[in-house]
Amino acid sequence: MERGFRVGQFKRYGDSKLILWPDQTPDAVVARIDKEWDAAKGDPNINDICWFE
């Protein structure tokens, strides 16, 4: 993103390879986090949705 961060998810817990989201623009990242947060059950934290590197 603007300062060099990249965002993605791990395929499963304990993986070491981050699978990057295809659209790394700030607006797209925020929209995807918002969408996945709303769809998550319970009270997720950000690591349930994505990881930044």
PDB file of N, CA and C in Angstrom:
ATOM      1  N   MET A   1       0.840  -1.154   0.000  1.00  0.00           N
ATOM      2  CA  MET A   1       0.000   0.000   0.000  1.00  0.00           C
ATOM      3  C   MET A   1       0.900   1.237   0.000  1.00  0.00           C
ATOM      4  N   GLU A   2       0.394   2.348   0.346  1.00  0.00           N
ATOM      5  CA  GLU A   2       1.134   3.589   0.159  1.00  0.00           C
ATOM      6  C   GLU A   2       2.503   3.614   0.836  1.00  0.00           C
ATOM      7  N   ARG A   3       2.642   2.991   1.986  1.00  0.00           N
ATOM      8  CA  ARG A   3       3.925   3.015   2.710  1.00  0.00           C
ATOM      9  C   ARG A   3       4.661   1.688   2.624  1.00  0.00           C
ATOM     10  N   GLY A   4       4.266   0.855   1.690  1.00  0.00           N
ATOM     11  CA  GLY A   4       4.980  -0.391   1.486  1.00  0.00           C
ATOM     12  C   GLY A   4       4.380  -1.609   2.161  1.00  0.00           C
ATOM     13  N   PHE A   5       3.306  -1.425   2.925  1.00  0.00           N
ATOM     14  CA  PHE A   5       2.653  -2.572   3.533  1.00  0.00           C
ATOM     15  C   PHE A   5       1.958  -3.392   2.464  1.00  0.00           C
ATOM     16  N   ARG A   6       1.894  -4.686   2.705  1.00  0.00           N
ATOM     17  CA  ARG A   6       1.110  -5.576   1.850  1.00  0.00           C
ATOM     18  C   ARG A   6       0.148  -6.330   2.750  1.00  0.00           C
ATOM     19  N   VAL A   7      -0.995  -6.705   2.201  1.00  0.00           N
ATOM     20  CA  VAL A   7      -2.022  -7.367   3.000  1.00  0.00           C
ATOM     21  C   VAL A   7      -2.418  -8.684   2.340  1.00  0.00           C
ATOM     22  N   GLY A   8      -2.729  -9.660   3.162  1.00  0.00           N
ATOM     23  CA  GLY A   8      -3.146 -10.966   2.664  1.00  0.00           C
ATOM     24  C   GLY A   8      -3.622 -11.850   3.798  1.00  0.00           C
ATOM     25  N   GLN A   9      -3.717 -13.125   3.505  1.00  0.00           N
ATOM     26  CA  GLN A   9      -4.168 -14.109   4.478  1.00  0.00           C
ATOM     27  C   GLN A   9      -3.276 -15.336   4.405  1.00  0.00           C
ATOM     28  N   PHE A  10      -3.263 -16.070   5.492  1.00  0.00           N
ATOM     29  CA  PHE A  10      -2.613 -17.368   5.492  1.00  0.00           C
ATOM     30  C   PHE A  10      -3.664 -18.421   5.183  1.00  0.00           C
ATOM     31  N   LYS A  11      -3.294 -19.440   4.415  1.00  0.00           N
ATOM     32  CA  LYS A  11      -4.246 -20.470   4.032  1.00  0.00           C
ATOM     33  C   LYS A  11      -4.807 -21.176   5.263  1.00  0.00           C
ATOM     34  N   ARG A  12      -3.922 -21.457   6.235  1.00  0.00           N
ATOM     35  CA  ARG A  12      -4.371 -22.075   7.485  1.00  0.00           C
ATOM     36  C   ARG A  12      -3.437 -21.643   8.608  1.00  0.00           C
ATOM     37  N   TYR A  13      -3.880 -21.817   9.819  1.00  0.00           N
ATOM     38  CA  TYR A  13      -3.106 -21.427  10.986  1.00  0.00           C
ATOM     39  C   TYR A  13      -1.745 -22.118  10.977  1.00  0.00           C
ATOM     40  N   GLY A  14      -0.709 -21.366  11.234  1.00  0.00           N
ATOM     41  CA  GLY A  14       0.635 -21.913  11.287  1.00  0.00           C
ATOM     42  C   GLY A  14       1.412 -21.817   9.988  1.00  0.00           C
ATOM     43  N   ASP A  15       0.747 -21.457   8.900  1.00  0.00           N
ATOM     44  CA  ASP A  15       1.459 -21.275   7.625  1.00  0.00           C
ATOM     45  C   ASP A  15       2.421 -20.093   7.743  1.00  0.00           C
ATOM     46  N   SER A  16       3.478 -20.143   6.959  1.00  0.00           N
ATOM     47  CA  SER A  16       4.431 -19.034   6.982  1.00  0.00           C
ATOM     48  C   SER A  16       4.395 -18.206   5.696  1.00  0.00           C
ATOM     49  N   LYS A  17       3.643 -18.657   4.693  1.00  0.00           N
ATOM     50  CA  LYS A  17       3.563 -17.928   3.425  1.00  0.00           C
ATOM     51  C   LYS A  17       2.254 -17.141   3.357  1.00  0.00           C
ATOM     52  N   LEU A  18       2.399 -15.843   3.296  1.00  0.00           N
ATOM     53  CA  LEU A  18       1.241 -14.961   3.194  1.00  0.00           C
ATOM     54  C   LEU A  18       0.740 -14.966   1.757  1.00  0.00           C
ATOM     55  N   ILE A  19      -0.539 -15.222   1.580  1.00  0.00           N
ATOM     56  CA  ILE A  19      -1.154 -15.182   0.252  1.00  0.00           C
ATOM     57  C   ILE A  19      -1.733 -13.769   0.090  1.00  0.00           C
ATOM     58  N   LEU A  20      -1.098 -13.002  -0.770  1.00  0.00           N
ATOM     59  CA  LEU A  20      -1.479 -11.596  -0.929  1.00  0.00           C
ATOM     60  C   LEU A  20      -2.831 -11.445  -1.605  1.00  0.00           C
ATOM     61  N   TRP A  21      -3.569 -10.449  -1.168  1.00  0.00           N
ATOM     62  CA  TRP A  21      -4.810 -10.116  -1.838  1.00  0.00           C
ATOM     63  C   TRP A  21      -4.464  -9.490  -3.188  1.00  0.00           C
ATOM     64  N   PRO A  22      -5.262  -9.762  -4.219  1.00  0.00           N
ATOM     65  CA  PRO A  22      -4.910  -9.258  -5.552  1.00  0.00           C
ATOM     66  C   PRO A  22      -4.944  -7.729  -5.665  1.00  0.00           C
ATOM     67  N   ASP A  23      -5.878  -7.081  -4.985  1.00  0.00           N
ATOM     68  CA  ASP A  23      -5.981  -5.616  -5.077  1.00  0.00           C
ATOM     69  C   ASP A  23      -5.426  -5.013  -3.796  1.00  0.00           C
ATOM     70  N   GLN A  24      -4.270  -4.371  -3.894  1.00  0.00           N
ATOM     71  CA  GLN A  24      -3.576  -3.815  -2.743  1.00  0.00           C
ATOM     72  C   GLN A  24      -3.816  -2.309  -2.564  1.00  0.00           C
ATOM     73  N   THR A  25      -4.756  -1.748  -3.314  1.00  0.00           N
ATOM     74  CA  THR A  25      -5.031  -0.321  -3.135  1.00  0.00           C
ATOM     75  C   THR A  25      -5.716  -0.103  -1.782  1.00  0.00           C
ATOM     76  N   PRO A  26      -5.418   1.000  -1.112  1.00  0.00           N
ATOM     77  CA  PRO A  26      -6.007   1.233   0.209  1.00  0.00           C
ATOM     78  C   PRO A  26      -7.531   1.134   0.241  1.00  0.00           C
ATOM     79  N   ASP A  27      -8.207   1.711  -0.736  1.00  0.00           N
ATOM     80  CA  ASP A  27      -9.675   1.657  -0.752  1.00  0.00           C
ATOM     81  C   ASP A  27     -10.188   0.228  -0.863  1.00  0.00           C
ATOM     82  N   ALA A  28      -9.530  -0.578  -1.704  1.00  0.00           N
ATOM     83  CA  ALA A  28      -9.947  -1.974  -1.879  1.00  0.00           C
ATOM     84  C   ALA A  28      -9.684  -2.790  -0.624  1.00  0.00           C
ATOM     85  N   VAL A  29      -8.556  -2.534   0.031  1.00  0.00           N
ATOM     86  CA  VAL A  29      -8.234  -3.267   1.261  1.00  0.00           C
ATOM     87  C   VAL A  29      -9.257  -2.956   2.354  1.00  0.00           C
ATOM     88  N   VAL A  30      -9.556  -1.692   2.544  1.00  0.00           N
ATOM     89  CA  VAL A  30     -10.540  -1.298   3.567  1.00  0.00           C
ATOM     90  C   VAL A  30     -11.913  -1.888   3.251  1.00  0.00           C
ATOM     91  N   ALA A  31     -12.321  -1.853   1.994  1.00  0.00           N
ATOM     92  CA  ALA A  31     -13.620  -2.410   1.598  1.00  0.00           C
ATOM     93  C   ALA A  31     -13.676  -3.908   1.868  1.00  0.00           C
ATOM     94  N   ARG A  32     -12.591  -4.618   1.555  1.00  0.00           N
ATOM     95  CA  ARG A  32     -12.576  -6.068   1.782  1.00  0.00           C
ATOM     96  C   ARG A  32     -12.584  -6.393   3.269  1.00  0.00           C
ATOM     97  N   ILE A  33     -11.819  -5.662   4.068  1.00  0.00           N
ATOM     98  CA  ILE A  33     -11.838  -5.884   5.517  1.00  0.00           C
ATOM     99  C   ILE A  33     -13.241  -5.651   6.052  1.00  0.00           C
ATOM    100  N   ASP A  34     -13.867  -4.567   5.629  1.00  0.00           N
ATOM    101  CA  ASP A  34     -15.227  -4.251   6.070  1.00  0.00           C
ATOM    102  C   ASP A  34     -16.204  -5.361   5.699  1.00  0.00           C
ATOM    103  N   LYS A  35     -16.126  -5.841   4.477  1.00  0.00           N
ATOM    104  CA  LYS A  35     -17.026  -6.892   4.000  1.00  0.00           C
ATOM    105  C   LYS A  35     -16.815  -8.191   4.786  1.00  0.00           C
ATOM    106  N   GLU A  36     -15.553  -8.591   4.968  1.00  0.00           N
ATOM    107  CA  GLU A  36     -15.277  -9.840   5.664  1.00  0.00           C
ATOM    108  C   GLU A  36     -15.571  -9.730   7.156  1.00  0.00           C
ATOM    109  N   TRP A  37     -15.377  -8.557   7.733  1.00  0.00           N
ATOM    110  CA  TRP A  37     -15.682  -8.342   9.145  1.00  0.00           C
ATOM    111  C   TRP A  37     -17.184  -8.509   9.378  1.00  0.00           C
ATOM    112  N   ASP A  38     -17.999  -7.916   8.493  1.00  0.00           N
ATOM    113  CA  ASP A  38     -19.452  -8.024   8.624  1.00  0.00           C
ATOM    114  C   ASP A  38     -19.929  -9.465   8.478  1.00  0.00           C
ATOM    115  N   ALA A  39     -19.266 -10.234   7.618  1.00  0.00           N
ATOM    116  CA  ALA A  39     -19.683 -11.620   7.372  1.00  0.00           C
ATOM    117  C   ALA A  39     -19.184 -12.590   8.445  1.00  0.00           C
ATOM    118  N   ALA A  40     -18.198 -12.173   9.245  1.00  0.00           N
ATOM    119  CA  ALA A  40     -17.619 -13.069  10.257  1.00  0.00           C
ATOM    120  C   ALA A  40     -18.605 -13.305  11.395  1.00  0.00           C
ATOM    121  N   LYS A  41     -18.542 -14.483  11.926  1.00  0.00           N
ATOM    122  CA  LYS A  41     -19.403 -14.831  13.066  1.00  0.00           C
ATOM    123  C   LYS A  41     -18.744 -14.346  14.350  1.00  0.00           C
ATOM    124  N   GLY A  42     -19.535 -13.905  15.300  1.00  0.00           N
ATOM    125  CA  GLY A  42     -19.006 -13.500  16.588  1.00  0.00           C
ATOM    126  C   GLY A  42     -18.302 -12.161  16.532  1.00  0.00           C
ATOM    127  N   ASP A  43     -17.219 -12.067  17.268  1.00  0.00           N
ATOM    128  CA  ASP A  43     -16.471 -10.827  17.379  1.00  0.00           C
ATOM    129  C   ASP A  43     -15.035 -11.075  16.907  1.00  0.00           C
ATOM    130  N   PRO A  44     -14.793 -10.975  15.591  1.00  0.00           N
ATOM    131  CA  PRO A  44     -13.453 -11.291  15.073  1.00  0.00           C
ATOM    132  C   PRO A  44     -12.438 -10.221  15.463  1.00  0.00           C
ATOM    133  N   ASN A  45     -11.159 -10.588  15.363  1.00  0.00           N
ATOM    134  CA  ASN A  45     -10.132  -9.562  15.455  1.00  0.00           C
ATOM    135  C   ASN A  45      -9.490  -9.452  14.071  1.00  0.00           C
ATOM    136  N   ILE A  46      -8.644  -8.490  13.881  1.00  0.00           N
ATOM    137  CA  ILE A  46      -8.118  -8.220  12.541  1.00  0.00           C
ATOM    138  C   ILE A  46      -7.354  -9.418  11.982  1.00  0.00           C
ATOM    139  N   ASN A  47      -6.697 -10.209  12.832  1.00  0.00           N
ATOM    140  CA  ASN A  47      -5.949 -11.367  12.348  1.00  0.00           C
ATOM    141  C   ASN A  47      -6.856 -12.467  11.801  1.00  0.00           C
ATOM    142  N   ASP A  48      -8.126 -12.444  12.160  1.00  0.00           N
ATOM    143  CA  ASP A  48      -9.091 -13.385  11.569  1.00  0.00           C
ATOM    144  C   ASP A  48      -9.421 -13.001  10.133  1.00  0.00           C
ATOM    145  N   ILE A  49      -9.211 -11.747   9.791  1.00  0.00           N
ATOM    146  CA  ILE A  49      -9.575 -11.214   8.482  1.00  0.00           C
ATOM    147  C   ILE A  49      -8.364 -11.128   7.559  1.00  0.00           C
ATOM    148  N   CYS A  50      -7.261 -10.557   8.053  1.00  0.00           N
ATOM    149  CA  CYS A  50      -6.086 -10.366   7.213  1.00  0.00           C
ATOM    150  C   CYS A  50      -4.843 -10.170   8.066  1.00  0.00           C
ATOM    151  N   TRP A  51      -3.709 -10.183   7.393  1.00  0.00           N
ATOM    152  CA  TRP A  51      -2.418  -9.911   8.002  1.00  0.00           C
ATOM    153  C   TRP A  51      -1.705  -8.872   7.145  1.00  0.00           C
ATOM    154  N   PHE A  52      -0.932  -8.037   7.800  1.00  0.00           N
ATOM    155  CA  PHE A  52      -0.129  -7.034   7.089  1.00  0.00           C
ATOM    156  C   PHE A  52       1.347  -7.384   7.234  1.00  0.00           C
ATOM    157  N   GLU A  53       2.089  -7.155   6.162  1.00  0.00           N
ATOM    158  CA  GLU A  53       3.546  -7.309   6.240  1.00  0.00           C
ATOM    159  C   GLU A  53       4.205  -6.125   5.595  1.00  0.00           C
TER     160      GLU A  53
END
